[in-house]
């Protein structure tokens, strides 16, 4: 049996559904590769949420800067992607420092070890420690489409396309999808 890269398959299916969505409804899904990446992260809603927050921050920052500077065309595209990259990096740095803080908290204090572990066993803290940005350029790509077609239209197109890609992956290659998700669990920063 041929082993397929699930990310490549997901992106390919996302391209197909993005084409269908844009041809029949005139909506873009936040970029050509974005639905494929987001479909693989739908089981991690905090990752999707943090990525969308980074995209919104990128959109508003570039919109604010464009009221003082002339930003359009290629320059706008590059500035959106670069701003999204920087915001994603800062969020990743912040989330990474949460993991480092938890590790130091666990090692640094002397005393009751059970109390320290119970402190770190908080579901909210564990969820934050396991949260990451979906991709460094994904927030910028989504922000570009926020600017081009509107926030609500882009979010709706992205949600529909990502869910369709996810359903297609479940139907076409469920074992590979399960293996991918199991592998991601052991790559979490909190582990």
C-alpha atoms as a PDB file:
ATOM      1  CA  UNK A   1       0.000   0.000   0.000  1.00  0.00           C
ATOM      2  CA  UNK A   2       1.244   3.474  -0.839  1.00  0.00           C
ATOM      3  CA  UNK A   3       1.787   5.714   2.172  1.00  0.00           C
ATOM      4  CA  UNK A   4       0.407   9.168   1.446  1.00  0.00           C
ATOM      5  CA  UNK A   5       1.327  12.306   3.314  1.00  0.00           C
ATOM      6  CA  UNK A   6      -1.937  13.289   4.993  1.00  0.00           C
ATOM      7  CA  UNK A   7      -1.069  16.993   4.924  1.00  0.00           C
ATOM      8  CA  UNK A   8      -0.524  16.881   1.158  1.00  0.00           C
ATOM      9  CA  UNK A   9      -3.785  14.991   0.651  1.00  0.00           C
ATOM     10  CA  UNK A  10      -5.605  17.421   2.932  1.00  0.00           C
ATOM     11  CA  UNK A  11      -4.270  20.420   1.015  1.00  0.00           C
ATOM     12  CA  UNK A  12      -5.231  18.801  -2.307  1.00  0.00           C
ATOM     13  CA  UNK A  13      -8.774  18.104  -1.125  1.00  0.00           C
ATOM     14  CA  UNK A  14      -8.906  21.651   0.240  1.00  0.00           C
ATOM     15  CA  UNK A  15      -7.926  23.021  -3.168  1.00  0.00           C
ATOM     16  CA  UNK A  16     -10.768  21.069  -4.758  1.00  0.00           C
ATOM     17  CA  UNK A  17     -13.390  22.261  -2.265  1.00  0.00           C
ATOM     18  CA  UNK A  18     -12.070  25.837  -2.427  1.00  0.00           C
ATOM     19  CA  UNK A  19     -12.531  25.751  -6.200  1.00  0.00           C
ATOM     20  CA  UNK A  20     -16.085  24.440  -5.811  1.00  0.00           C
ATOM     21  CA  UNK A  21     -16.928  27.052  -3.163  1.00  0.00           C
ATOM     22  CA  UNK A  22     -15.531  29.922  -5.195  1.00  0.00           C
ATOM     23  CA  UNK A  23     -17.185  28.812  -8.451  1.00  0.00           C
ATOM     24  CA  UNK A  24     -20.657  28.165  -7.055  1.00  0.00           C
ATOM     25  CA  UNK A  25     -20.882  30.709  -4.230  1.00  0.00           C
ATOM     26  CA  UNK A  26     -18.192  33.270  -5.021  1.00  0.00           C
ATOM     27  CA  UNK A  27     -16.542  32.802  -1.624  1.00  0.00           C
ATOM     28  CA  UNK A  28     -12.892  32.180  -0.921  1.00  0.00           C
ATOM     29  CA  UNK A  29     -11.884  30.027   2.019  1.00  0.00           C
ATOM     30  CA  UNK A  30      -9.083  32.192   3.364  1.00  0.00           C
ATOM     31  CA  UNK A  31      -6.407  31.068   0.924  1.00  0.00           C
ATOM     32  CA  UNK A  32      -5.732  27.995  -1.141  1.00  0.00           C
ATOM     33  CA  UNK A  33      -3.867  25.918   1.435  1.00  0.00           C
ATOM     34  CA  UNK A  34      -5.639  27.165   4.562  1.00  0.00           C
ATOM     35  CA  UNK A  35      -8.647  24.765   4.541  1.00  0.00           C
ATOM     36  CA  UNK A  36      -6.328  21.750   4.352  1.00  0.00           C
ATOM     37  CA  UNK A  37      -4.328  22.893   7.363  1.00  0.00           C
ATOM     38  CA  UNK A  38      -7.428  23.866   9.330  1.00  0.00           C
ATOM     39  CA  UNK A  39      -9.166  20.553   8.575  1.00  0.00           C
ATOM     40  CA  UNK A  40      -6.345  18.699  10.303  1.00  0.00           C
ATOM     41  CA  UNK A  41      -6.724  20.949  13.359  1.00  0.00           C
ATOM     42  CA  UNK A  42     -10.503  20.792  13.806  1.00  0.00           C
ATOM     43  CA  UNK A  43     -10.086  18.420  16.749  1.00  0.00           C
ATOM     44  CA  UNK A  44      -7.970  21.133  18.432  1.00  0.00           C
ATOM     45  CA  UNK A  45     -10.379  24.085  18.626  1.00  0.00           C
ATOM     46  CA  UNK A  46      -7.974  26.187  20.706  1.00  0.00           C
ATOM     47  CA  UNK A  47      -5.382  25.953  17.932  1.00  0.00           C
ATOM     48  CA  UNK A  48      -7.978  27.073  15.396  1.00  0.00           C
ATOM     49  CA  UNK A  49      -9.166  29.841  17.715  1.00  0.00           C
ATOM     50  CA  UNK A  50      -5.673  31.179  18.406  1.00  0.00           C
ATOM     51  CA  UNK A  51      -4.921  31.133  14.679  1.00  0.00           C
ATOM     52  CA  UNK A  52      -8.112  33.069  13.908  1.00  0.00           C
ATOM     53  CA  UNK A  53      -7.310  35.585  16.665  1.00  0.00           C
ATOM     54  CA  UNK A  54      -3.863  36.051  15.108  1.00  0.00           C
ATOM     55  CA  UNK A  55      -5.512  36.552  11.697  1.00  0.00           C
ATOM     56  CA  UNK A  56      -7.928  39.144  13.102  1.00  0.00           C
ATOM     57  CA  UNK A  57      -5.090  40.963  14.871  1.00  0.00           C
ATOM     58  CA  UNK A  58      -3.115  40.950  11.629  1.00  0.00           C
ATOM     59  CA  UNK A  59      -6.078  42.308   9.691  1.00  0.00           C
ATOM     60  CA  UNK A  60      -6.735  45.134  12.168  1.00  0.00           C
ATOM     61  CA  UNK A  61      -3.061  46.086  12.545  1.00  0.00           C
ATOM     62  CA  UNK A  62      -2.505  46.299   8.786  1.00  0.00           C
ATOM     63  CA  UNK A  63      -5.818  48.147   8.360  1.00  0.00           C
ATOM     64  CA  UNK A  64      -4.705  50.664  11.008  1.00  0.00           C
ATOM     65  CA  UNK A  65      -1.267  51.091   9.432  1.00  0.00           C
ATOM     66  CA  UNK A  66      -2.837  51.496   5.977  1.00  0.00           C
ATOM     67  CA  UNK A  67      -4.716  54.565   7.190  1.00  0.00           C
ATOM     68  CA  UNK A  68      -1.306  56.258   7.567  1.00  0.00           C
ATOM     69  CA  UNK A  69       0.547  54.651   4.639  1.00  0.00           C
ATOM     70  CA  UNK A  70      -0.339  53.622   1.133  1.00  0.00           C
ATOM     71  CA  UNK A  71      -0.553  49.835   1.257  1.00  0.00           C
ATOM     72  CA  UNK A  72      -2.038  47.904  -1.656  1.00  0.00           C
ATOM     73  CA  UNK A  73      -1.265  45.085  -4.083  1.00  0.00           C
ATOM     74  CA  UNK A  74       1.853  43.021  -3.526  1.00  0.00           C
ATOM     75  CA  UNK A  75       3.033  45.276  -0.741  1.00  0.00           C
ATOM     76  CA  UNK A  76      -0.203  44.674   1.166  1.00  0.00           C
ATOM     77  CA  UNK A  77       0.064  40.916   0.625  1.00  0.00           C
ATOM     78  CA  UNK A  78       3.625  40.820   1.913  1.00  0.00           C
ATOM     79  CA  UNK A  79       2.846  43.086   4.871  1.00  0.00           C
ATOM     80  CA  UNK A  80      -0.178  40.939   5.810  1.00  0.00           C
ATOM     81  CA  UNK A  81       1.842  37.720   5.672  1.00  0.00           C
ATOM     82  CA  UNK A  82       4.790  39.267   7.529  1.00  0.00           C
ATOM     83  CA  UNK A  83       2.550  40.758  10.228  1.00  0.00           C
ATOM     84  CA  UNK A  84       0.731  37.440  10.606  1.00  0.00           C
ATOM     85  CA  UNK A  85       4.080  35.680  10.839  1.00  0.00           C
ATOM     86  CA  UNK A  86       5.258  38.039  13.585  1.00  0.00           C
ATOM     87  CA  UNK A  87       2.012  37.767  15.553  1.00  0.00           C
ATOM     88  CA  UNK A  88       2.070  33.971  15.231  1.00  0.00           C
ATOM     89  CA  UNK A  89       5.672  33.968  16.435  1.00  0.00           C
ATOM     90  CA  UNK A  90       4.823  36.154  19.426  1.00  0.00           C
ATOM     91  CA  UNK A  91       1.847  33.984  20.345  1.00  0.00           C
ATOM     92  CA  UNK A  92       3.973  30.863  19.966  1.00  0.00           C
ATOM     93  CA  UNK A  93       6.636  32.454  22.166  1.00  0.00           C
ATOM     94  CA  UNK A  94       4.004  33.333  24.778  1.00  0.00           C
ATOM     95  CA  UNK A  95       2.499  29.841  24.703  1.00  0.00           C
ATOM     96  CA  UNK A  96       5.988  28.321  24.841  1.00  0.00           C
ATOM     97  CA  UNK A  97       6.799  30.420  27.896  1.00  0.00           C
ATOM     98  CA  UNK A  98       3.679  28.960  29.541  1.00  0.00           C
ATOM     99  CA  UNK A  99       5.198  25.500  29.089  1.00  0.00           C
ATOM    100  CA  UNK A 100       8.552  26.692  30.431  1.00  0.00           C
ATOM    101  CA  UNK A 101       6.814  28.323  33.408  1.00  0.00           C
ATOM    102  CA  UNK A 102       4.971  25.091  34.173  1.00  0.00           C
ATOM    103  CA  UNK A 103       8.218  23.101  33.976  1.00  0.00           C
ATOM    104  CA  UNK A 104      10.012  25.555  36.269  1.00  0.00           C
ATOM    105  CA  UNK A 105       7.061  25.581  38.643  1.00  0.00           C
ATOM    106  CA  UNK A 106       7.222  21.816  38.829  1.00  0.00           C
ATOM    107  CA  UNK A 107      10.992  21.672  39.414  1.00  0.00           C
ATOM    108  CA  UNK A 108      11.624  24.867  41.364  1.00  0.00           C
ATOM    109  CA  UNK A 109       9.511  24.589  44.468  1.00  0.00           C
ATOM    110  CA  UNK A 110      10.405  22.324  47.313  1.00  0.00           C
ATOM    111  CA  UNK A 111       7.668  20.810  49.335  1.00  0.00           C
ATOM    112  CA  UNK A 112       4.696  18.667  48.610  1.00  0.00           C
ATOM    113  CA  UNK A 113       5.178  17.122  45.166  1.00  0.00           C
ATOM    114  CA  UNK A 114       1.529  16.103  44.923  1.00  0.00           C
ATOM    115  CA  UNK A 115       0.415  19.719  45.375  1.00  0.00           C
ATOM    116  CA  UNK A 116       2.732  20.810  42.566  1.00  0.00           C
ATOM    117  CA  UNK A 117       1.433  18.156  40.192  1.00  0.00           C
ATOM    118  CA  UNK A 118      -2.168  18.965  41.140  1.00  0.00           C
ATOM    119  CA  UNK A 119      -1.440  22.618  40.351  1.00  0.00           C
ATOM    120  CA  UNK A 120      -0.263  21.655  36.886  1.00  0.00           C
ATOM    121  CA  UNK A 121      -3.043  19.135  36.368  1.00  0.00           C
ATOM    122  CA  UNK A 122      -5.556  21.903  35.725  1.00  0.00           C
ATOM    123  CA  UNK A 123      -7.456  21.194  32.482  1.00  0.00           C
ATOM    124  CA  UNK A 124      -7.279  24.862  31.513  1.00  0.00           C
ATOM    125  CA  UNK A 125      -3.511  25.039  32.027  1.00  0.00           C
ATOM    126  CA  UNK A 126      -2.985  21.808  30.101  1.00  0.00           C
ATOM    127  CA  UNK A 127      -5.161  23.090  27.247  1.00  0.00           C
ATOM    128  CA  UNK A 128      -3.174  26.332  27.083  1.00  0.00           C
ATOM    129  CA  UNK A 129       0.118  24.426  27.195  1.00  0.00           C
ATOM    130  CA  UNK A 130      -0.984  22.248  24.266  1.00  0.00           C
ATOM    131  CA  UNK A 131      -2.205  25.173  22.169  1.00  0.00           C
ATOM    132  CA  UNK A 132      -0.195  26.364  19.195  1.00  0.00           C
ATOM    133  CA  UNK A 133      -0.640  28.347  16.015  1.00  0.00           C
ATOM    134  CA  UNK A 134      -1.713  26.222  13.047  1.00  0.00           C
ATOM    135  CA  UNK A 135       0.984  27.675  10.793  1.00  0.00           C
ATOM    136  CA  UNK A 136       3.114  30.783  10.760  1.00  0.00           C
ATOM    137  CA  UNK A 137       1.836  32.120   7.438  1.00  0.00           C
ATOM    138  CA  UNK A 138      -1.753  30.891   7.829  1.00  0.00           C
ATOM    139  CA  UNK A 139      -2.893  33.942   9.891  1.00  0.00           C
ATOM    140  CA  UNK A 140      -1.558  36.282   7.207  1.00  0.00           C
ATOM    141  CA  UNK A 141      -3.265  34.346   4.416  1.00  0.00           C
ATOM    142  CA  UNK A 142      -6.572  34.450   6.275  1.00  0.00           C
ATOM    143  CA  UNK A 143      -6.121  38.183   6.979  1.00  0.00           C
ATOM    144  CA  UNK A 144      -5.634  38.849   3.262  1.00  0.00           C
ATOM    145  CA  UNK A 145      -9.051  37.363   2.583  1.00  0.00           C
ATOM    146  CA  UNK A 146     -10.576  39.204   5.544  1.00  0.00           C
ATOM    147  CA  UNK A 147      -9.531  42.364   3.721  1.00  0.00           C
ATOM    148  CA  UNK A 148     -10.628  41.221   0.254  1.00  0.00           C
ATOM    149  CA  UNK A 149     -14.059  39.763   0.939  1.00  0.00           C
ATOM    150  CA  UNK A 150     -14.907  40.524   4.567  1.00  0.00           C
ATOM    151  CA  UNK A 151     -14.426  38.772   7.875  1.00  0.00           C
ATOM    152  CA  UNK A 152     -17.766  36.977   8.081  1.00  0.00           C
ATOM    153  CA  UNK A 153     -17.684  35.712   4.495  1.00  0.00           C
ATOM    154  CA  UNK A 154     -14.134  34.429   4.904  1.00  0.00           C
ATOM    155  CA  UNK A 155     -14.891  32.717   8.208  1.00  0.00           C
ATOM    156  CA  UNK A 156     -18.002  31.056   6.747  1.00  0.00           C
ATOM    157  CA  UNK A 157     -16.145  29.901   3.638  1.00  0.00           C
ATOM    158  CA  UNK A 158     -13.245  28.620   5.728  1.00  0.00           C
ATOM    159  CA  UNK A 159     -15.521  26.768   8.150  1.00  0.00           C
ATOM    160  CA  UNK A 160     -17.514  25.068   5.389  1.00  0.00           C
ATOM    161  CA  UNK A 161     -14.434  24.110   3.402  1.00  0.00           C
ATOM    162  CA  UNK A 162     -12.449  22.847   6.411  1.00  0.00           C
ATOM    163  CA  UNK A 163     -15.360  20.678   7.551  1.00  0.00           C
ATOM    164  CA  UNK A 164     -15.812  19.254   4.034  1.00  0.00           C
ATOM    165  CA  UNK A 165     -12.088  18.470   3.836  1.00  0.00           C
ATOM    166  CA  UNK A 166     -12.230  16.807   7.246  1.00  0.00           C
ATOM    167  CA  UNK A 167     -15.233  14.692   6.206  1.00  0.00           C
ATOM    168  CA  UNK A 168     -13.466  13.687   2.997  1.00  0.00           C
ATOM    169  CA  UNK A 169     -10.384  12.651   4.986  1.00  0.00           C
ATOM    170  CA  UNK A 170     -12.543  10.600   7.354  1.00  0.00           C
ATOM    171  CA  UNK A 171     -14.116   8.809   4.387  1.00  0.00           C
ATOM    172  CA  UNK A 172     -11.000   8.402   2.227  1.00  0.00           C
ATOM    173  CA  UNK A 173      -8.258   7.636   4.749  1.00  0.00           C
ATOM    174  CA  UNK A 174      -9.534   7.202   8.325  1.00  0.00           C
ATOM    175  CA  UNK A 175      -6.539   5.156   9.504  1.00  0.00           C
ATOM    176  CA  UNK A 176      -4.037   7.757   8.321  1.00  0.00           C
ATOM    177  CA  UNK A 177      -6.057  10.528   9.961  1.00  0.00           C
ATOM    178  CA  UNK A 178      -6.188   8.606  13.236  1.00  0.00           C
ATOM    179  CA  UNK A 179      -2.439   7.923  13.084  1.00  0.00           C
ATOM    180  CA  UNK A 180      -1.757  11.611  12.353  1.00  0.00           C
ATOM    181  CA  UNK A 181      -3.788  12.712  15.367  1.00  0.00           C
ATOM    182  CA  UNK A 182      -2.185  10.109  17.622  1.00  0.00           C
ATOM    183  CA  UNK A 183       1.251  11.284  16.511  1.00  0.00           C
ATOM    184  CA  UNK A 184       0.323  14.928  17.235  1.00  0.00           C
ATOM    185  CA  UNK A 185      -0.666  14.058  20.798  1.00  0.00           C
ATOM    186  CA  UNK A 186       2.890  12.973  21.536  1.00  0.00           C
ATOM    187  CA  UNK A 187       4.354  16.089  19.901  1.00  0.00           C
ATOM    188  CA  UNK A 188       2.481  18.476  22.195  1.00  0.00           C
ATOM    189  CA  UNK A 189       4.758  20.886  24.055  1.00  0.00           C
ATOM    190  CA  UNK A 190       3.276  19.924  27.416  1.00  0.00           C
ATOM    191  CA  UNK A 191       4.277  16.266  27.062  1.00  0.00           C
END
